[in-house]
Amino acid sequence: MSKDLAQRMQAHLQQSIEPERVEVIDESYQHAGHAGANGTGFGTHFRVRIASHKFTGMSRVARHRLVYDSLQEYIAQGVHALAIEATEP
């Protein structure tokens, strides 16, 4: 996995969910030695902060599911964990 994975995930979310704000932070270095860590310090554990009008009227679980489903291709490629903070703008 390349080091620009967070940028690619952020661009994907920008296209798929059209958020007003989105930030994808690679926190893999904080999980060294944990399940799913790959030993490189990047590419496995991410925090997603996203605000979108598409979340209006959705439960917290539904918001998280929308983000998770949008990033499914990355999860299939080795992203182990997503910490999601999904809000309305």
N, C-alpha and C. Protein backbone atom coordinates (compact mmCIF):
# COMPACT_ATOMS: atom_id res chain seq x y z
N MET A 1 0.84 -1.19 0.00
CA MET A 1 0.00 0.00 0.00
C MET A 1 0.87 1.24 0.00
N SER A 2 0.50 2.19 -0.78
CA SER A 2 1.31 3.39 -0.86
C SER A 2 0.94 4.37 0.25
N LYS A 3 1.85 5.31 0.48
CA LYS A 3 1.65 6.28 1.55
C LYS A 3 0.57 7.31 1.22
N ASP A 4 0.15 7.40 -0.04
CA ASP A 4 -0.88 8.38 -0.40
C ASP A 4 -2.28 7.80 -0.29
N LEU A 5 -2.42 6.68 0.38
CA LEU A 5 -3.72 6.03 0.51
C LEU A 5 -4.76 6.95 1.15
N ALA A 6 -4.39 7.68 2.18
CA ALA A 6 -5.34 8.59 2.83
C ALA A 6 -5.86 9.63 1.84
N GLN A 7 -4.99 10.13 0.97
CA GLN A 7 -5.41 11.11 -0.03
C GLN A 7 -6.36 10.49 -1.04
N ARG A 8 -6.09 9.27 -1.44
CA ARG A 8 -6.98 8.58 -2.39
C ARG A 8 -8.34 8.31 -1.76
N MET A 9 -8.34 7.89 -0.50
CA MET A 9 -9.61 7.64 0.20
C MET A 9 -10.40 8.93 0.34
N GLN A 10 -9.71 10.01 0.65
CA GLN A 10 -10.38 11.31 0.80
C GLN A 10 -10.99 11.75 -0.53
N ALA A 11 -10.27 11.59 -1.62
CA ALA A 11 -10.79 11.95 -2.94
C ALA A 11 -12.00 11.09 -3.30
N HIS A 12 -11.94 9.83 -2.94
CA HIS A 12 -13.07 8.93 -3.21
C HIS A 12 -14.31 9.37 -2.44
N LEU A 13 -14.14 9.70 -1.17
CA LEU A 13 -15.26 10.18 -0.36
C LEU A 13 -15.81 11.49 -0.92
N GLN A 14 -14.92 12.35 -1.40
CA GLN A 14 -15.34 13.63 -1.97
C GLN A 14 -16.28 13.38 -3.16
N GLN A 15 -15.96 12.41 -3.97
CA GLN A 15 -16.80 12.09 -5.14
C GLN A 15 -18.08 11.37 -4.75
N SER A 16 -17.98 10.40 -3.85
CA SER A 16 -19.13 9.54 -3.58
C SER A 16 -20.15 10.15 -2.62
N ILE A 17 -19.69 10.93 -1.65
CA ILE A 17 -20.61 11.46 -0.63
C ILE A 17 -20.78 12.97 -0.75
N GLU A 18 -19.92 13.63 -1.52
CA GLU A 18 -20.00 15.07 -1.75
C GLU A 18 -20.08 15.86 -0.43
N PRO A 19 -19.12 15.66 0.45
CA PRO A 19 -19.17 16.34 1.75
C PRO A 19 -18.77 17.81 1.66
N GLU A 20 -19.19 18.56 2.66
CA GLU A 20 -18.73 19.94 2.78
C GLU A 20 -17.33 19.96 3.37
N ARG A 21 -17.05 18.98 4.23
CA ARG A 21 -15.72 18.83 4.81
C ARG A 21 -15.40 17.34 4.89
N VAL A 22 -14.15 17.01 4.58
CA VAL A 22 -13.71 15.62 4.74
C VAL A 22 -12.22 15.62 5.02
N GLU A 23 -11.83 14.79 5.95
CA GLU A 23 -10.42 14.61 6.32
C GLU A 23 -10.21 13.14 6.61
N VAL A 24 -9.20 12.56 5.99
CA VAL A 24 -8.84 11.17 6.25
C VAL A 24 -7.42 11.20 6.81
N ILE A 25 -7.26 10.67 8.01
CA ILE A 25 -5.99 10.70 8.72
C ILE A 25 -5.50 9.28 8.93
N ASP A 26 -4.27 9.02 8.50
CA ASP A 26 -3.66 7.70 8.70
C ASP A 26 -3.09 7.66 10.12
N GLU A 27 -3.71 6.86 10.98
CA GLU A 27 -3.27 6.71 12.37
C GLU A 27 -2.60 5.37 12.61
N SER A 28 -2.14 4.73 11.55
CA SER A 28 -1.57 3.38 11.64
C SER A 28 -0.39 3.31 12.60
N TYR A 29 0.41 4.36 12.63
CA TYR A 29 1.59 4.35 13.50
C TYR A 29 1.21 4.19 14.97
N GLN A 30 0.00 4.57 15.34
CA GLN A 30 -0.46 4.45 16.72
C GLN A 30 -0.88 3.02 17.06
N HIS A 31 -0.93 2.15 16.06
CA HIS A 31 -1.43 0.79 16.26
C HIS A 31 -0.37 -0.27 15.99
N ALA A 32 0.88 0.11 16.04
CA ALA A 32 1.97 -0.84 15.81
C ALA A 32 1.84 -2.00 16.78
N GLY A 33 1.90 -3.20 16.26
CA GLY A 33 1.78 -4.39 17.08
C GLY A 33 0.36 -4.85 17.32
N HIS A 34 -0.62 -4.06 16.92
CA HIS A 34 -2.02 -4.43 17.11
C HIS A 34 -2.50 -5.28 15.93
N ALA A 35 -3.64 -5.88 16.10
CA ALA A 35 -4.25 -6.66 15.01
C ALA A 35 -4.42 -5.80 13.78
N GLY A 36 -4.08 -6.33 12.64
CA GLY A 36 -4.25 -5.63 11.39
C GLY A 36 -3.11 -4.71 11.00
N ALA A 37 -2.19 -4.44 11.92
CA ALA A 37 -1.04 -3.60 11.59
C ALA A 37 -0.13 -4.37 10.64
N ASN A 38 0.46 -3.64 9.69
CA ASN A 38 1.29 -4.32 8.69
C ASN A 38 2.79 -4.13 8.91
N GLY A 39 3.18 -3.46 9.98
CA GLY A 39 4.59 -3.28 10.29
C GLY A 39 5.23 -2.08 9.62
N THR A 40 4.50 -1.37 8.76
CA THR A 40 5.07 -0.22 8.06
C THR A 40 4.74 1.10 8.74
N GLY A 41 3.72 1.11 9.61
CA GLY A 41 3.30 2.34 10.26
C GLY A 41 2.33 3.17 9.44
N PHE A 42 1.86 2.63 8.32
CA PHE A 42 0.87 3.35 7.54
C PHE A 42 0.00 2.36 6.76
N GLY A 43 -1.19 2.85 6.38
CA GLY A 43 -2.03 2.09 5.48
C GLY A 43 -3.03 1.12 6.06
N THR A 44 -3.18 1.07 7.40
CA THR A 44 -4.10 0.08 7.95
C THR A 44 -5.19 0.66 8.85
N HIS A 45 -4.91 1.72 9.57
CA HIS A 45 -5.84 2.29 10.54
C HIS A 45 -6.05 3.77 10.22
N PHE A 46 -7.31 4.15 9.99
CA PHE A 46 -7.62 5.51 9.56
C PHE A 46 -8.73 6.13 10.39
N ARG A 47 -8.68 7.45 10.52
CA ARG A 47 -9.77 8.24 11.10
C ARG A 47 -10.37 9.06 9.96
N VAL A 48 -11.70 9.02 9.83
CA VAL A 48 -12.41 9.78 8.81
C VAL A 48 -13.30 10.78 9.52
N ARG A 49 -13.05 12.05 9.25
CA ARG A 49 -13.91 13.13 9.75
C ARG A 49 -14.63 13.70 8.52
N ILE A 50 -15.95 13.63 8.54
CA ILE A 50 -16.70 14.00 7.34
C ILE A 50 -18.03 14.64 7.74
N ALA A 51 -18.38 15.71 7.03
CA ALA A 51 -19.65 16.40 7.24
C ALA A 51 -20.33 16.53 5.88
N SER A 52 -21.56 16.03 5.80
CA SER A 52 -22.29 16.05 4.53
C SER A 52 -23.78 16.23 4.76
N HIS A 53 -24.40 16.94 3.83
CA HIS A 53 -25.86 17.07 3.88
C HIS A 53 -26.54 15.72 3.62
N LYS A 54 -25.83 14.80 3.01
CA LYS A 54 -26.40 13.47 2.77
C LYS A 54 -26.69 12.74 4.08
N PHE A 55 -26.09 13.19 5.17
CA PHE A 55 -26.30 12.56 6.48
C PHE A 55 -27.57 13.06 7.18
N THR A 56 -28.19 14.09 6.64
CA THR A 56 -29.38 14.67 7.28
C THR A 56 -30.47 13.61 7.44
N GLY A 57 -30.95 13.48 8.66
CA GLY A 57 -32.01 12.53 8.96
C GLY A 57 -31.55 11.10 9.15
N MET A 58 -30.26 10.86 9.01
CA MET A 58 -29.73 9.50 9.16
C MET A 58 -29.26 9.27 10.59
N SER A 59 -29.39 8.05 11.04
CA SER A 59 -28.86 7.68 12.35
C SER A 59 -27.33 7.62 12.27
N ARG A 60 -26.69 7.60 13.41
CA ARG A 60 -25.23 7.48 13.46
C ARG A 60 -24.77 6.21 12.75
N VAL A 61 -25.46 5.12 12.98
CA VAL A 61 -25.10 3.85 12.35
C VAL A 61 -25.24 3.95 10.83
N ALA A 62 -26.31 4.56 10.35
CA ALA A 62 -26.51 4.70 8.90
C ALA A 62 -25.44 5.58 8.27
N ARG A 63 -25.03 6.63 8.97
CA ARG A 63 -23.95 7.49 8.47
C ARG A 63 -22.66 6.69 8.34
N HIS A 64 -22.34 5.95 9.39
CA HIS A 64 -21.12 5.14 9.38
C HIS A 64 -21.17 4.09 8.27
N ARG A 65 -22.32 3.50 8.09
CA ARG A 65 -22.48 2.48 7.04
C ARG A 65 -22.25 3.09 5.66
N LEU A 66 -22.76 4.29 5.43
CA LEU A 66 -22.57 4.96 4.15
C LEU A 66 -21.08 5.19 3.87
N VAL A 67 -20.35 5.66 4.87
CA VAL A 67 -18.91 5.89 4.72
C VAL A 67 -18.19 4.56 4.51
N TYR A 68 -18.50 3.59 5.35
CA TYR A 68 -17.86 2.28 5.25
C TYR A 68 -18.12 1.65 3.89
N ASP A 69 -19.35 1.68 3.42
CA ASP A 69 -19.69 1.11 2.12
C ASP A 69 -18.95 1.83 0.99
N SER A 70 -18.82 3.14 1.11
CA SER A 70 -18.13 3.91 0.09
C SER A 70 -16.65 3.52 -0.01
N LEU A 71 -16.06 3.13 1.11
CA LEU A 71 -14.63 2.79 1.15
C LEU A 71 -14.37 1.29 1.07
N GLN A 72 -15.37 0.52 0.69
CA GLN A 72 -15.25 -0.94 0.69
C GLN A 72 -14.07 -1.44 -0.15
N GLU A 73 -13.79 -0.83 -1.28
CA GLU A 73 -12.68 -1.30 -2.11
C GLU A 73 -11.35 -1.17 -1.38
N TYR A 74 -11.20 -0.15 -0.55
CA TYR A 74 -9.97 0.04 0.22
C TYR A 74 -9.88 -0.97 1.36
N ILE A 75 -11.00 -1.26 1.96
CA ILE A 75 -11.05 -2.27 3.03
C ILE A 75 -10.66 -3.63 2.46
N ALA A 76 -11.14 -3.93 1.27
CA ALA A 76 -10.81 -5.20 0.62
C ALA A 76 -9.32 -5.28 0.29
N GLN A 77 -8.67 -4.13 0.16
CA GLN A 77 -7.25 -4.10 -0.18
C GLN A 77 -6.34 -4.04 1.05
N GLY A 78 -6.91 -4.07 2.26
CA GLY A 78 -6.07 -4.14 3.45
C GLY A 78 -6.28 -3.09 4.52
N VAL A 79 -7.17 -2.12 4.30
CA VAL A 79 -7.48 -1.19 5.38
C VAL A 79 -8.17 -2.00 6.47
N HIS A 80 -7.60 -1.95 7.67
CA HIS A 80 -8.09 -2.80 8.75
C HIS A 80 -9.15 -2.11 9.62
N ALA A 81 -8.99 -0.80 9.85
CA ALA A 81 -9.88 -0.13 10.79
C ALA A 81 -10.19 1.29 10.34
N LEU A 82 -11.45 1.70 10.54
CA LEU A 82 -11.88 3.06 10.30
C LEU A 82 -12.55 3.60 11.55
N ALA A 83 -12.07 4.72 12.03
CA ALA A 83 -12.75 5.45 13.10
C ALA A 83 -13.49 6.58 12.38
N ILE A 84 -14.81 6.57 12.43
CA ILE A 84 -15.60 7.49 11.63
C ILE A 84 -16.29 8.52 12.51
N GLU A 85 -16.11 9.80 12.15
CA GLU A 85 -16.82 10.90 12.77
C GLU A 85 -17.64 11.56 11.68
N ALA A 86 -18.90 11.18 11.57
CA ALA A 86 -19.77 11.64 10.49
C ALA A 86 -20.87 12.54 11.04
N THR A 87 -20.90 13.78 10.54
CA THR A 87 -21.86 14.76 11.04
C THR A 87 -22.53 15.49 9.89
N GLU A 88 -23.60 16.21 10.23
CA GLU A 88 -24.19 17.15 9.28
C GLU A 88 -23.35 18.42 9.34
N PRO A 89 -23.31 19.19 8.24
CA PRO A 89 -22.52 20.43 8.24
C PRO A 89 -23.03 21.42 9.26
